[in-house]
Amino acid sequence: MKQLEVLCVDDEEMVRNVTVMVLESFFSGIKIDEGKSGKELLERARKKQYDLIISDNNMPELNGIDALEILRKEGYRTPAILISGLYDEQLYKRAQENHIYSMQKPYGFPELRKVIDEAIKGS
């Protein structure tokens, strides 16, 4: 199996660090690039083909859903998971319409693993 390459984007460094540690515990040899804004998400995803993008929604410059929608409109089909701390029916609808998995904070690590597996299998 090839090495899994993931882009993890969250403006909160502590949350990003925990997510990275959890991903490393899930997948041996995983390669993770990090970003802290929707703008960085776009820049990195346009330069490199990832196996998965995990992004927070509420970030400076450009939020996660807007960045992921831009990628979809540009033809990128990288599996993606959008994470939000706020329940927002419209946000989840936009994610679903763009074939983006979504999760609400707080979530458990088993739940995260399940959604990651679904996203990767669905690609």
PDB file of N, CA and C in Angstrom:
ATOM      1  N   MET A   1       0.840  -1.187   0.000  1.00  0.00           N
ATOM      2  CA  MET A   1       0.000   0.000   0.000  1.00  0.00           C
ATOM      3  C   MET A   1       0.877   1.240   0.000  1.00  0.00           C
ATOM      4  N   LYS A   2       0.525   2.202  -0.837  1.00  0.00           N
ATOM      5  CA  LYS A   2       1.336   3.418  -0.913  1.00  0.00           C
ATOM      6  C   LYS A   2       1.145   4.274   0.335  1.00  0.00           C
ATOM      7  N   GLN A   3       2.123   5.109   0.574  1.00  0.00           N
ATOM      8  CA  GLN A   3       2.090   5.986   1.737  1.00  0.00           C
ATOM      9  C   GLN A   3       0.937   7.000   1.590  1.00  0.00           C
ATOM     10  N   LEU A   4       0.124   7.107   2.613  1.00  0.00           N
ATOM     11  CA  LEU A   4      -1.000   8.036   2.615  1.00  0.00           C
ATOM     12  C   LEU A   4      -0.494   9.458   2.798  1.00  0.00           C
ATOM     13  N   GLU A   5      -0.946  10.377   1.923  1.00  0.00           N
ATOM     14  CA  GLU A   5      -0.554  11.780   2.015  1.00  0.00           C
ATOM     15  C   GLU A   5      -1.790  12.619   2.305  1.00  0.00           C
ATOM     16  N   VAL A   6      -1.732  13.363   3.412  1.00  0.00           N
ATOM     17  CA  VAL A   6      -2.883  14.109   3.907  1.00  0.00           C
ATOM     18  C   VAL A   6      -2.519  15.578   4.104  1.00  0.00           C
ATOM     19  N   LEU A   7      -3.455  16.447   3.786  1.00  0.00           N
ATOM     20  CA  LEU A   7      -3.337  17.864   4.106  1.00  0.00           C
ATOM     21  C   LEU A   7      -4.284  18.143   5.262  1.00  0.00           C
ATOM     22  N   CYS A   8      -3.740  18.649   6.366  1.00  0.00           N
ATOM     23  CA  CYS A   8      -4.506  18.950   7.578  1.00  0.00           C
ATOM     24  C   CYS A   8      -4.501  20.462   7.780  1.00  0.00           C
ATOM     25  N   VAL A   9      -5.682  21.087   7.761  1.00  0.00           N
ATOM     26  CA  VAL A   9      -5.767  22.546   7.828  1.00  0.00           C
ATOM     27  C   VAL A   9      -6.666  22.975   8.986  1.00  0.00           C
ATOM     28  N   ASP A  10      -6.089  23.760   9.885  1.00  0.00           N
ATOM     29  CA  ASP A  10      -6.832  24.327  11.017  1.00  0.00           C
ATOM     30  C   ASP A  10      -6.051  25.529  11.528  1.00  0.00           C
ATOM     31  N   ASP A  11      -6.730  26.622  11.808  1.00  0.00           N
ATOM     32  CA  ASP A  11      -6.035  27.823  12.275  1.00  0.00           C
ATOM     33  C   ASP A  11      -5.602  27.717  13.732  1.00  0.00           C
ATOM     34  N   GLU A  12      -6.164  26.772  14.458  1.00  0.00           N
ATOM     35  CA  GLU A  12      -5.773  26.574  15.857  1.00  0.00           C
ATOM     36  C   GLU A  12      -4.663  25.534  15.912  1.00  0.00           C
ATOM     37  N   GLU A  13      -3.461  25.973  16.274  1.00  0.00           N
ATOM     38  CA  GLU A  13      -2.293  25.099  16.257  1.00  0.00           C
ATOM     39  C   GLU A  13      -2.468  23.865  17.138  1.00  0.00           C
ATOM     40  N   MET A  14      -3.045  24.040  18.318  1.00  0.00           N
ATOM     41  CA  MET A  14      -3.222  22.908  19.225  1.00  0.00           C
ATOM     42  C   MET A  14      -4.134  21.844  18.598  1.00  0.00           C
ATOM     43  N   VAL A  15      -5.227  22.276  18.002  1.00  0.00           N
ATOM     44  CA  VAL A  15      -6.152  21.336  17.356  1.00  0.00           C
ATOM     45  C   VAL A  15      -5.453  20.631  16.197  1.00  0.00           C
ATOM     46  N   ARG A  16      -4.709  21.401  15.413  1.00  0.00           N
ATOM     47  CA  ARG A  16      -3.974  20.826  14.284  1.00  0.00           C
ATOM     48  C   ARG A  16      -2.949  19.791  14.771  1.00  0.00           C
ATOM     49  N   ASN A  17      -2.228  20.132  15.840  1.00  0.00           N
ATOM     50  CA  ASN A  17      -1.222  19.206  16.374  1.00  0.00           C
ATOM     51  C   ASN A  17      -1.850  17.899  16.871  1.00  0.00           C
ATOM     52  N   VAL A  18      -2.981  18.011  17.550  1.00  0.00           N
ATOM     53  CA  VAL A  18      -3.669  16.803  18.034  1.00  0.00           C
ATOM     54  C   VAL A  18      -4.150  15.968  16.853  1.00  0.00           C
ATOM     55  N   THR A  19      -4.700  16.616  15.842  1.00  0.00           N
ATOM     56  CA  THR A  19      -5.174  15.892  14.663  1.00  0.00           C
ATOM     57  C   THR A  19      -4.021  15.151  13.993  1.00  0.00           C
ATOM     58  N   VAL A  20      -2.889  15.819  13.874  1.00  0.00           N
ATOM     59  CA  VAL A  20      -1.713  15.188  13.272  1.00  0.00           C
ATOM     60  C   VAL A  20      -1.279  13.969  14.094  1.00  0.00           C
ATOM     61  N   MET A  21      -1.231  14.115  15.416  1.00  0.00           N
ATOM     62  CA  MET A  21      -0.833  12.991  16.275  1.00  0.00           C
ATOM     63  C   MET A  21      -1.803  11.813  16.135  1.00  0.00           C
ATOM     64  N   VAL A  22      -3.095  12.115  16.065  1.00  0.00           N
ATOM     65  CA  VAL A  22      -4.100  11.058  15.914  1.00  0.00           C
ATOM     66  C   VAL A  22      -3.937  10.366  14.561  1.00  0.00           C
ATOM     67  N   LEU A  23      -3.739  11.148  13.502  1.00  0.00           N
ATOM     68  CA  LEU A  23      -3.538  10.560  12.176  1.00  0.00           C
ATOM     69  C   LEU A  23      -2.305   9.662  12.156  1.00  0.00           C
ATOM     70  N   GLU A  24      -1.234  10.103  12.808  1.00  0.00           N
ATOM     71  CA  GLU A  24      -0.013   9.294  12.868  1.00  0.00           C
ATOM     72  C   GLU A  24      -0.235   7.998  13.648  1.00  0.00           C
ATOM     73  N   SER A  25      -1.143   8.033  14.624  1.00  0.00           N
ATOM     74  CA  SER A  25      -1.449   6.803  15.369  1.00  0.00           C
ATOM     75  C   SER A  25      -2.336   5.855  14.549  1.00  0.00           C
ATOM     76  N   PHE A  26      -3.126   6.416  13.635  1.00  0.00           N
ATOM     77  CA  PHE A  26      -4.003   5.605  12.785  1.00  0.00           C
ATOM     78  C   PHE A  26      -3.238   4.918  11.654  1.00  0.00           C
ATOM     79  N   PHE A  27      -2.283   5.632  11.041  1.00  0.00           N
ATOM     80  CA  PHE A  27      -1.658   5.178   9.808  1.00  0.00           C
ATOM     81  C   PHE A  27      -0.132   5.216   9.925  1.00  0.00           C
ATOM     82  N   SER A  28       0.492   4.087   9.834  1.00  0.00           N
ATOM     83  CA  SER A  28       1.950   3.998   9.879  1.00  0.00           C
ATOM     84  C   SER A  28       2.539   4.628   8.615  1.00  0.00           C
ATOM     85  N   GLY A  29       3.537   5.475   8.787  1.00  0.00           N
ATOM     86  CA  GLY A  29       4.229   6.074   7.645  1.00  0.00           C
ATOM     87  C   GLY A  29       3.459   7.165   6.928  1.00  0.00           C
ATOM     88  N   ILE A  30       2.378   7.659   7.518  1.00  0.00           N
ATOM     89  CA  ILE A  30       1.585   8.717   6.892  1.00  0.00           C
ATOM     90  C   ILE A  30       2.432   9.977   6.704  1.00  0.00           C
ATOM     91  N   LYS A  31       2.195  10.676   5.608  1.00  0.00           N
ATOM     92  CA  LYS A  31       2.872  11.952   5.354  1.00  0.00           C
ATOM     93  C   LYS A  31       1.820  13.044   5.467  1.00  0.00           C
ATOM     94  N   ILE A  32       2.048  14.012   6.346  1.00  0.00           N
ATOM     95  CA  ILE A  32       1.055  15.046   6.610  1.00  0.00           C
ATOM     96  C   ILE A  32       1.652  16.429   6.361  1.00  0.00           C
ATOM     97  N   ASP A  33       0.991  17.197   5.514  1.00  0.00           N
ATOM     98  CA  ASP A  33       1.313  18.611   5.340  1.00  0.00           C
ATOM     99  C   ASP A  33       0.271  19.396   6.112  1.00  0.00           C
ATOM    100  N   GLU A  34       0.671  20.551   6.630  1.00  0.00           N
ATOM    101  CA  GLU A  34      -0.231  21.343   7.456  1.00  0.00           C
ATOM    102  C   GLU A  34      -0.433  22.747   6.881  1.00  0.00           C
ATOM    103  N   GLY A  35      -1.604  23.301   7.174  1.00  0.00           N
ATOM    104  CA  GLY A  35      -1.927  24.668   6.809  1.00  0.00           C
ATOM    105  C   GLY A  35      -2.789  25.269   7.896  1.00  0.00           C
ATOM    106  N   LYS A  36      -2.902  26.604   7.898  1.00  0.00           N
ATOM    107  CA  LYS A  36      -3.679  27.266   8.947  1.00  0.00           C
ATOM    108  C   LYS A  36      -4.755  28.212   8.420  1.00  0.00           C
ATOM    109  N   SER A  37      -5.059  28.123   7.119  1.00  0.00           N
ATOM    110  CA  SER A  37      -6.126  28.960   6.562  1.00  0.00           C
ATOM    111  C   SER A  37      -6.659  28.327   5.280  1.00  0.00           C
ATOM    112  N   GLY A  38      -7.824  28.780   4.879  1.00  0.00           N
ATOM    113  CA  GLY A  38      -8.387  28.319   3.619  1.00  0.00           C
ATOM    114  C   GLY A  38      -7.505  28.693   2.441  1.00  0.00           C
ATOM    115  N   LYS A  39      -6.854  29.834   2.542  1.00  0.00           N
ATOM    116  CA  LYS A  39      -5.937  30.272   1.488  1.00  0.00           C
ATOM    117  C   LYS A  39      -4.772  29.285   1.351  1.00  0.00           C
ATOM    118  N   GLU A  40      -4.215  28.850   2.484  1.00  0.00           N
ATOM    119  CA  GLU A  40      -3.132  27.855   2.439  1.00  0.00           C
ATOM    120  C   GLU A  40      -3.644  26.522   1.903  1.00  0.00           C
ATOM    121  N   LEU A  41      -4.868  26.157   2.260  1.00  0.00           N
ATOM    122  CA  LEU A  41      -5.463  24.930   1.740  1.00  0.00           C
ATOM    123  C   LEU A  41      -5.443  24.956   0.213  1.00  0.00           C
ATOM    124  N   LEU A  42      -5.917  26.058  -0.366  1.00  0.00           N
ATOM    125  CA  LEU A  42      -5.939  26.177  -1.826  1.00  0.00           C
ATOM    126  C   LEU A  42      -4.539  26.101  -2.416  1.00  0.00           C
ATOM    127  N   GLU A  43      -3.611  26.866  -1.843  1.00  0.00           N
ATOM    128  CA  GLU A  43      -2.241  26.895  -2.369  1.00  0.00           C
ATOM    129  C   GLU A  43      -1.617  25.510  -2.376  1.00  0.00           C
ATOM    130  N   ARG A  44      -1.748  24.796  -1.256  1.00  0.00           N
ATOM    131  CA  ARG A  44      -1.114  23.476  -1.148  1.00  0.00           C
ATOM    132  C   ARG A  44      -1.814  22.437  -2.022  1.00  0.00           C
ATOM    133  N   ALA A  45      -3.140  22.442  -2.031  1.00  0.00           N
ATOM    134  CA  ALA A  45      -3.888  21.443  -2.801  1.00  0.00           C
ATOM    135  C   ALA A  45      -3.714  21.629  -4.307  1.00  0.00           C
ATOM    136  N   ARG A  46      -3.428  22.839  -4.738  1.00  0.00           N
ATOM    137  CA  ARG A  46      -3.191  23.081  -6.167  1.00  0.00           C
ATOM    138  C   ARG A  46      -1.797  22.631  -6.595  1.00  0.00           C
ATOM    139  N   LYS A  47      -0.881  22.518  -5.651  1.00  0.00           N
ATOM    140  CA  LYS A  47       0.502  22.151  -5.969  1.00  0.00           C
ATOM    141  C   LYS A  47       0.771  20.652  -5.838  1.00  0.00           C
ATOM    142  N   LYS A  48      -0.054  19.955  -5.061  1.00  0.00           N
ATOM    143  CA  LYS A  48       0.240  18.561  -4.749  1.00  0.00           C
ATOM    144  C   LYS A  48      -1.056  17.764  -4.689  1.00  0.00           C
ATOM    145  N   GLN A  49      -1.014  16.546  -5.179  1.00  0.00           N
ATOM    146  CA  GLN A  49      -2.187  15.674  -5.124  1.00  0.00           C
ATOM    147  C   GLN A  49      -2.185  14.896  -3.812  1.00  0.00           C
ATOM    148  N   TYR A  50      -3.113  15.201  -2.944  1.00  0.00           N
ATOM    149  CA  TYR A  50      -3.241  14.514  -1.658  1.00  0.00           C
ATOM    150  C   TYR A  50      -4.237  13.365  -1.777  1.00  0.00           C
ATOM    151  N   ASP A  51      -4.113  12.422  -0.849  1.00  0.00           N
ATOM    152  CA  ASP A  51      -5.089  11.341  -0.762  1.00  0.00           C
ATOM    153  C   ASP A  51      -6.311  11.773   0.032  1.00  0.00           C
ATOM    154  N   LEU A  52      -6.124  12.801   0.878  1.00  0.00           N
ATOM    155  CA  LEU A  52      -7.200  13.277   1.746  1.00  0.00           C
ATOM    156  C   LEU A  52      -6.880  14.685   2.230  1.00  0.00           C
ATOM    157  N   ILE A  53      -7.924  15.513   2.329  1.00  0.00           N
ATOM    158  CA  ILE A  53      -7.817  16.832   2.945  1.00  0.00           C
ATOM    159  C   ILE A  53      -8.755  16.846   4.144  1.00  0.00           C
ATOM    160  N   ILE A  54      -8.230  17.246   5.298  1.00  0.00           N
ATOM    161  CA  ILE A  54      -9.049  17.432   6.498  1.00  0.00           C
ATOM    162  C   ILE A  54      -8.958  18.905   6.854  1.00  0.00           C
ATOM    163  N   SER A  55     -10.102  19.585   6.914  1.00  0.00           N
ATOM    164  CA  SER A  55     -10.081  21.024   7.138  1.00  0.00           C
ATOM    165  C   SER A  55     -11.132  21.474   8.147  1.00  0.00           C
ATOM    166  N   ASP A  56     -10.699  22.393   8.996  1.00  0.00           N
ATOM    167  CA  ASP A  56     -11.628  23.120   9.845  1.00  0.00           C
ATOM    168  C   ASP A  56     -12.431  24.039   8.928  1.00  0.00           C
ATOM    169  N   ASN A  57     -13.573  24.505   9.378  1.00  0.00           N
ATOM    170  CA  ASN A  57     -14.335  25.437   8.556  1.00  0.00           C
ATOM    171  C   ASN A  57     -14.042  26.883   8.906  1.00  0.00           C
ATOM    172  N   ASN A  58     -14.121  27.239  10.159  1.00  0.00           N
ATOM    173  CA  ASN A  58     -14.010  28.636  10.569  1.00  0.00           C
ATOM    174  C   ASN A  58     -12.541  29.041  10.697  1.00  0.00           C
ATOM    175  N   MET A  59     -12.017  29.679   9.631  1.00  0.00           N
ATOM    176  CA  MET A  59     -10.612  30.092   9.601  1.00  0.00           C
ATOM    177  C   MET A  59     -10.495  31.480   8.977  1.00  0.00           C
ATOM    178  N   PRO A  60      -9.371  32.150   9.238  1.00  0.00           N
ATOM    179  CA  PRO A  60      -9.169  33.477   8.654  1.00  0.00           C
ATOM    180  C   PRO A  60      -8.933  33.408   7.147  1.00  0.00           C
ATOM    181  N   GLU A  61      -9.083  34.520   6.497  1.00  0.00           N
ATOM    182  CA  GLU A  61      -8.846  34.712   5.065  1.00  0.00           C
ATOM    183  C   GLU A  61      -9.885  34.043   4.183  1.00  0.00           C
ATOM    184  N   LEU A  62     -10.112  32.762   4.414  1.00  0.00           N
ATOM    185  CA  LEU A  62     -11.048  31.992   3.598  1.00  0.00           C
ATOM    186  C   LEU A  62     -11.443  30.776   4.415  1.00  0.00           C
ATOM    187  N   ASN A  63     -12.748  30.552   4.576  1.00  0.00           N
ATOM    188  CA  ASN A  63     -13.135  29.405   5.407  1.00  0.00           C
ATOM    189  C   ASN A  63     -12.991  28.090   4.630  1.00  0.00           C
ATOM    190  N   GLY A  64     -13.091  27.000   5.373  1.00  0.00           N
ATOM    191  CA  GLY A  64     -12.858  25.688   4.795  1.00  0.00           C
ATOM    192  C   GLY A  64     -13.816  25.310   3.682  1.00  0.00           C
ATOM    193  N   ILE A  65     -15.114  25.533   3.878  1.00  0.00           N
ATOM    194  CA  ILE A  65     -16.081  25.127   2.851  1.00  0.00           C
ATOM    195  C   ILE A  65     -15.875  25.922   1.571  1.00  0.00           C
ATOM    196  N   ASP A  66     -15.598  27.227   1.684  1.00  0.00           N
ATOM    197  CA  ASP A  66     -15.371  28.024   0.477  1.00  0.00           C
ATOM    198  C   ASP A  66     -14.132  27.548  -0.277  1.00  0.00           C
ATOM    199  N   ALA A  67     -13.057  27.254   0.459  1.00  0.00           N
ATOM    200  CA  ALA A  67     -11.834  26.767  -0.182  1.00  0.00           C
ATOM    201  C   ALA A  67     -12.084  25.430  -0.878  1.00  0.00           C
ATOM    202  N   LEU A  68     -12.774  24.521  -0.213  1.00  0.00           N
ATOM    203  CA  LEU A  68     -13.045  23.210  -0.811  1.00  0.00           C
ATOM    204  C   LEU A  68     -13.983  23.324  -2.013  1.00  0.00           C
ATOM    205  N   GLU A  69     -14.964  24.219  -1.941  1.00  0.00           N
ATOM    206  CA  GLU A  69     -15.859  24.428  -3.098  1.00  0.00           C
ATOM    207  C   GLU A  69     -15.081  24.972  -4.293  1.00  0.00           C
ATOM    208  N   ILE A  70     -14.138  25.859  -4.046  1.00  0.00           N
ATOM    209  CA  ILE A  70     -13.305  26.387  -5.137  1.00  0.00           C
ATOM    210  C   ILE A  70     -12.533  25.242  -5.793  1.00  0.00           C
ATOM    211  N   LEU A  71     -11.944  24.374  -4.974  1.00  0.00           N
ATOM    212  CA  LEU A  71     -11.215  23.228  -5.533  1.00  0.00           C
ATOM    213  C   LEU A  71     -12.127  22.349  -6.370  1.00  0.00           C
ATOM    214  N   ARG A  72     -13.335  22.093  -5.877  1.00  0.00           N
ATOM    215  CA  ARG A  72     -14.275  21.254  -6.628  1.00  0.00           C
ATOM    216  C   ARG A  72     -14.604  21.899  -7.982  1.00  0.00           C
ATOM    217  N   LYS A  73     -14.836  23.207  -7.976  1.00  0.00           N
ATOM    218  CA  LYS A  73     -15.160  23.909  -9.228  1.00  0.00           C
ATOM    219  C   LYS A  73     -13.989  23.873 -10.201  1.00  0.00           C
ATOM    220  N   GLU A  74     -12.763  23.779  -9.674  1.00  0.00           N
ATOM    221  CA  GLU A  74     -11.569  23.696 -10.516  1.00  0.00           C
ATOM    222  C   GLU A  74     -11.289  22.263 -10.968  1.00  0.00           C
ATOM    223  N   GLY A  75     -12.126  21.323 -10.538  1.00  0.00           N
ATOM    224  CA  GLY A  75     -11.999  19.948 -10.992  1.00  0.00           C
ATOM    225  C   GLY A  75     -11.255  19.012 -10.057  1.00  0.00           C
ATOM    226  N   TYR A  76     -10.810  19.509  -8.915  1.00  0.00           N
ATOM    227  CA  TYR A  76     -10.118  18.645  -7.957  1.00  0.00           C
ATOM    228  C   TYR A  76     -11.133  17.742  -7.258  1.00  0.00           C
ATOM    229  N   ARG A  77     -10.824  16.462  -7.179  1.00  0.00           N
ATOM    230  CA  ARG A  77     -11.738  15.487  -6.578  1.00  0.00           C
ATOM    231  C   ARG A  77     -11.147  14.809  -5.353  1.00  0.00           C
ATOM    232  N   THR A  78     -10.136  15.419  -4.761  1.00  0.00           N
ATOM    233  CA  THR A  78      -9.503  14.852  -3.573  1.00  0.00           C
ATOM    234  C   THR A  78     -10.545  14.638  -2.481  1.00  0.00           C
ATOM    235  N   PRO A  79     -10.590  13.452  -1.880  1.00  0.00           N
ATOM    236  CA  PRO A  79     -11.510  13.245  -0.757  1.00  0.00           C
ATOM    237  C   PRO A  79     -11.242  14.288   0.331  1.00  0.00           C
ATOM    238  N   ALA A  80     -12.314  14.797   0.917  1.00  0.00           N
ATOM    239  CA  ALA A  80     -12.161  15.856   1.913  1.00  0.00           C
ATOM    240  C   ALA A  80     -13.147  15.676   3.056  1.00  0.00           C
ATOM    241  N   ILE A  81     -12.683  16.098   4.234  1.00  0.00           N
ATOM    242  CA  ILE A  81     -13.515  16.098   5.437  1.00  0.00           C
ATOM    243  C   ILE A  81     -13.501  17.513   5.986  1.00  0.00           C
ATOM    244  N   LEU A  82     -14.679  18.076   6.166  1.00  0.00           N
ATOM    245  CA  LEU A  82     -14.842  19.410   6.731  1.00  0.00           C
ATOM    246  C   LEU A  82     -15.299  19.265   8.172  1.00  0.00           C
ATOM    247  N   ILE A  83     -14.615  19.973   9.079  1.00  0.00           N
ATOM    248  CA  ILE A  83     -14.939  19.895  10.502  1.00  0.00           C
ATOM    249  C   ILE A  83     -15.379  21.267  10.990  1.00  0.00           C
ATOM    250  N   SER A  84     -16.488  21.287  11.710  1.00  0.00           N
ATOM    251  CA  SER A  84     -17.014  22.553  12.219  1.00  0.00           C
ATOM    252  C   SER A  84     -17.427  22.418  13.682  1.00  0.00           C
ATOM    253  N   GLY A  85     -17.198  23.474  14.427  1.00  0.00           N
ATOM    254  CA  GLY A  85     -17.612  23.498  15.826  1.00  0.00           C
ATOM    255  C   GLY A  85     -19.052  23.927  16.005  1.00  0.00           C
ATOM    256  N   LEU A  86     -19.654  24.435  14.946  1.00  0.00           N
ATOM    257  CA  LEU A  86     -21.033  24.918  15.015  1.00  0.00           C
ATOM    258  C   LEU A  86     -21.928  24.071  14.124  1.00  0.00           C
ATOM    259  N   TYR A  87     -23.108  23.751  14.629  1.00  0.00           N
ATOM    260  CA  TYR A  87     -24.060  23.035  13.789  1.00  0.00           C
ATOM    261  C   TYR A  87     -24.688  24.043  12.830  1.00  0.00           C
ATOM    262  N   ASP A  88     -24.596  23.767  11.560  1.00  0.00           N
ATOM    263  CA  ASP A  88     -25.130  24.662  10.536  1.00  0.00           C
ATOM    264  C   ASP A  88     -25.664  23.805   9.399  1.00  0.00           C
ATOM    265  N   GLU A  89     -26.968  23.712   9.315  1.00  0.00           N
ATOM    266  CA  GLU A  89     -27.617  22.873   8.302  1.00  0.00           C
ATOM    267  C   GLU A  89     -27.160  23.241   6.886  1.00  0.00           C
ATOM    268  N   GLN A  90     -27.060  24.536   6.590  1.00  0.00           N
ATOM    269  CA  GLN A  90     -26.644  24.990   5.257  1.00  0.00           C
ATOM    270  C   GLN A  90     -25.205  24.581   4.950  1.00  0.00           C
ATOM    271  N   LEU A  91     -24.349  24.661   5.956  1.00  0.00           N
ATOM    272  CA  LEU A  91     -22.952  24.262   5.778  1.00  0.00           C
ATOM    273  C   LEU A  91     -22.870  22.788   5.403  1.00  0.00           C
ATOM    274  N   TYR A  92     -23.578  21.949   6.137  1.00  0.00           N
ATOM    275  CA  TYR A  92     -23.545  20.515   5.865  1.00  0.00           C
ATOM    276  C   TYR A  92     -24.169  20.187   4.512  1.00  0.00           C
ATOM    277  N   LYS A  93     -25.174  20.941   4.119  1.00  0.00           N
ATOM    278  CA  LYS A  93     -25.788  20.753   2.803  1.00  0.00           C
ATOM    279  C   LYS A  93     -24.791  21.101   1.698  1.00  0.00           C
ATOM    280  N   ARG A  94     -24.078  22.227   1.865  1.00  0.00           N
ATOM    281  CA  ARG A  94     -23.055  22.616   0.879  1.00  0.00           C
ATOM    282  C   ARG A  94     -21.969  21.543   0.786  1.00  0.00           C
ATOM    283  N   ALA A  95     -21.558  21.025   1.931  1.00  0.00           N
ATOM    284  CA  ALA A  95     -20.531  19.979   1.933  1.00  0.00           C
ATOM    285  C   ALA A  95     -21.028  18.756   1.161  1.00  0.00           C
ATOM    286  N   GLN A  96     -22.240  18.322   1.470  1.00  0.00           N
ATOM    287  CA  GLN A  96     -22.797  17.141   0.807  1.00  0.00           C
ATOM    288  C   GLN A  96     -22.912  17.358  -0.704  1.00  0.00           C
ATOM    289  N   GLU A  97     -23.360  18.529  -1.128  1.00  0.00           N
ATOM    290  CA  GLU A  97     -23.507  18.831  -2.553  1.00  0.00           C
ATOM    291  C   GLU A  97     -22.166  18.780  -3.282  1.00  0.00           C
ATOM    292  N   ASN A  98     -21.078  19.010  -2.557  1.00  0.00           N
ATOM    293  CA  ASN A  98     -19.740  19.009  -3.151  1.00  0.00           C
ATOM    294  C   ASN A  98     -18.958  17.729  -2.838  1.00  0.00           C
ATOM    295  N   HIS A  99     -19.669  16.700  -2.382  1.00  0.00           N
ATOM    296  CA  HIS A  99     -19.058  15.402  -2.067  1.00  0.00           C
ATOM    297  C   HIS A  99     -17.931  15.554  -1.048  1.00  0.00           C
ATOM    298  N   ILE A 100     -18.229  16.323  -0.008  1.00  0.00           N
ATOM    299  CA  ILE A 100     -17.292  16.560   1.084  1.00  0.00           C
ATOM    300  C   ILE A 100     -17.912  15.958   2.343  1.00  0.00           C
ATOM    301  N   TYR A 101     -17.177  15.114   3.021  1.00  0.00           N
ATOM    302  CA  TYR A 101     -17.647  14.552   4.285  1.00  0.00           C
ATOM    303  C   TYR A 101     -17.586  15.652   5.340  1.00  0.00           C
ATOM    304  N   SER A 102     -18.474  15.581   6.335  1.00  0.00           N
ATOM    305  CA  SER A 102     -18.469  16.617   7.372  1.00  0.00           C
ATOM    306  C   SER A 102     -18.608  15.990   8.748  1.00  0.00           C
ATOM    307  N   MET A 103     -18.015  16.689   9.716  1.00  0.00           N
ATOM    308  CA  MET A 103     -18.068  16.260  11.117  1.00  0.00           C
ATOM    309  C   MET A 103     -18.249  17.493  11.982  1.00  0.00           C
ATOM    310  N   GLN A 104     -18.900  17.295  13.101  1.00  0.00           N
ATOM    311  CA  GLN A 104     -19.089  18.389  14.049  1.00  0.00           C
ATOM    312  C   GLN A 104     -18.231  18.137  15.287  1.00  0.00           C
ATOM    313  N   LYS A 105     -17.557  19.200  15.737  1.00  0.00           N
ATOM    314  CA  LYS A 105     -16.793  19.127  16.989  1.00  0.00           C
ATOM    315  C   LYS A 105     -17.764  19.217  18.148  1.00  0.00           C
ATOM    316  N   PRO A 106     -17.492  18.569  19.250  1.00  0.00           N
ATOM    317  CA  PRO A 106     -16.396  17.630  19.463  1.00  0.00           C
ATOM    318  C   PRO A 106     -16.744  16.265  18.874  1.00  0.00           C
ATOM    319  N   TYR A 107     -15.731  15.520  18.524  1.00  0.00           N
ATOM    320  CA  TYR A 107     -15.929  14.179  17.990  1.00  0.00           C
ATOM    321  C   TYR A 107     -14.902  13.250  18.624  1.00  0.00           C
ATOM    322  N   GLY A 108     -15.193  11.981  18.606  1.00  0.00           N
ATOM    323  CA  GLY A 108     -14.263  10.984  19.138  1.00  0.00           C
ATOM    324  C   GLY A 108     -13.324  10.497  18.056  1.00  0.00           C
ATOM    325  N   PHE A 109     -12.194   9.966  18.472  1.00  0.00           N
ATOM    326  CA  PHE A 109     -11.219   9.470  17.507  1.00  0.00           C
ATOM    327  C   PHE A 109     -11.745   8.292  16.700  1.00  0.00           C
ATOM    328  N   PRO A 110     -12.519   7.366  17.302  1.00  0.00           N
ATOM    329  CA  PRO A 110     -13.085   6.289  16.476  1.00  0.00           C
ATOM    330  C   PRO A 110     -14.004   6.838  15.368  1.00  0.00           C
ATOM    331  N   GLU A 111     -14.758   7.889  15.703  1.00  0.00           N
ATOM    332  CA  GLU A 111     -15.631   8.506  14.695  1.00  0.00           C
ATOM    333  C   GLU A 111     -14.798   9.118  13.574  1.00  0.00           C
ATOM    334  N   LEU A 112     -13.707   9.795  13.940  1.00  0.00           N
ATOM    335  CA  LEU A 112     -12.824  10.378  12.928  1.00  0.00           C
ATOM    336  C   LEU A 112     -12.257   9.283  12.032  1.00  0.00           C
ATOM    337  N   ARG A 113     -11.810   8.196  12.610  1.00  0.00           N
ATOM    338  CA  ARG A 113     -11.240   7.095  11.822  1.00  0.00           C
ATOM    339  C   ARG A 113     -12.271   6.541  10.851  1.00  0.00           C
ATOM    340  N   LYS A 114     -13.506   6.391  11.316  1.00  0.00           N
ATOM    341  CA  LYS A 114     -14.571   5.865  10.460  1.00  0.00           C
ATOM    342  C   LYS A 114     -14.820   6.784   9.256  1.00  0.00           C
ATOM    343  N   VAL A 115     -14.874   8.088   9.505  1.00  0.00           N
ATOM    344  CA  VAL A 115     -15.123   9.039   8.419  1.00  0.00           C
ATOM    345  C   VAL A 115     -13.926   9.075   7.456  1.00  0.00           C
ATOM    346  N   ILE A 116     -12.707   9.003   7.981  1.00  0.00           N
ATOM    347  CA  ILE A 116     -11.521   8.961   7.112  1.00  0.00           C
ATOM    348  C   ILE A 116     -11.587   7.732   6.221  1.00  0.00           C
ATOM    349  N   ASP A 117     -11.882   6.582   6.799  1.00  0.00           N
ATOM    350  CA  ASP A 117     -11.959   5.343   6.001  1.00  0.00           C
ATOM    351  C   ASP A 117     -13.032   5.459   4.911  1.00  0.00           C
ATOM    352  N   GLU A 118     -14.180   6.032   5.251  1.00  0.00           N
ATOM    353  CA  GLU A 118     -15.256   6.210   4.269  1.00  0.00           C
ATOM    354  C   GLU A 118     -14.815   7.147   3.146  1.00  0.00           C
ATOM    355  N   ALA A 119     -14.163   8.244   3.517  1.00  0.00           N
ATOM    356  CA  ALA A 119     -13.734   9.221   2.519  1.00  0.00           C
ATOM    357  C   ALA A 119     -12.719   8.624   1.556  1.00  0.00           C
ATOM    358  N   ILE A 120     -11.769   7.879   2.101  1.00  0.00           N
ATOM    359  CA  ILE A 120     -10.730   7.284   1.255  1.00  0.00           C
ATOM    360  C   ILE A 120     -11.316   6.200   0.355  1.00  0.00           C
ATOM    361  N   LYS A 121     -12.193   5.384   0.885  1.00  0.00           N
ATOM    362  CA  LYS A 121     -12.823   4.320   0.083  1.00  0.00           C
ATOM    363  C   LYS A 121     -13.726   4.910  -0.996  1.00  0.00           C
ATOM    364  N   GLY A 122     -14.359   6.048  -0.699  1.00  0.00           N
ATOM    365  CA  GLY A 122     -15.290   6.661  -1.634  1.00  0.00           C
ATOM    366  C   GLY A 122     -14.614   7.384  -2.786  1.00  0.00           C
ATOM    367  N   SER A 123     -13.287   7.519  -2.715  1.00  0.00           N
ATOM    368  CA  SER A 123     -12.589   8.277  -3.764  1.00  0.00           C
ATOM    369  C   SER A 123     -12.391   7.470  -5.026  1.00  0.00           C
TER     370      SER A 123
END
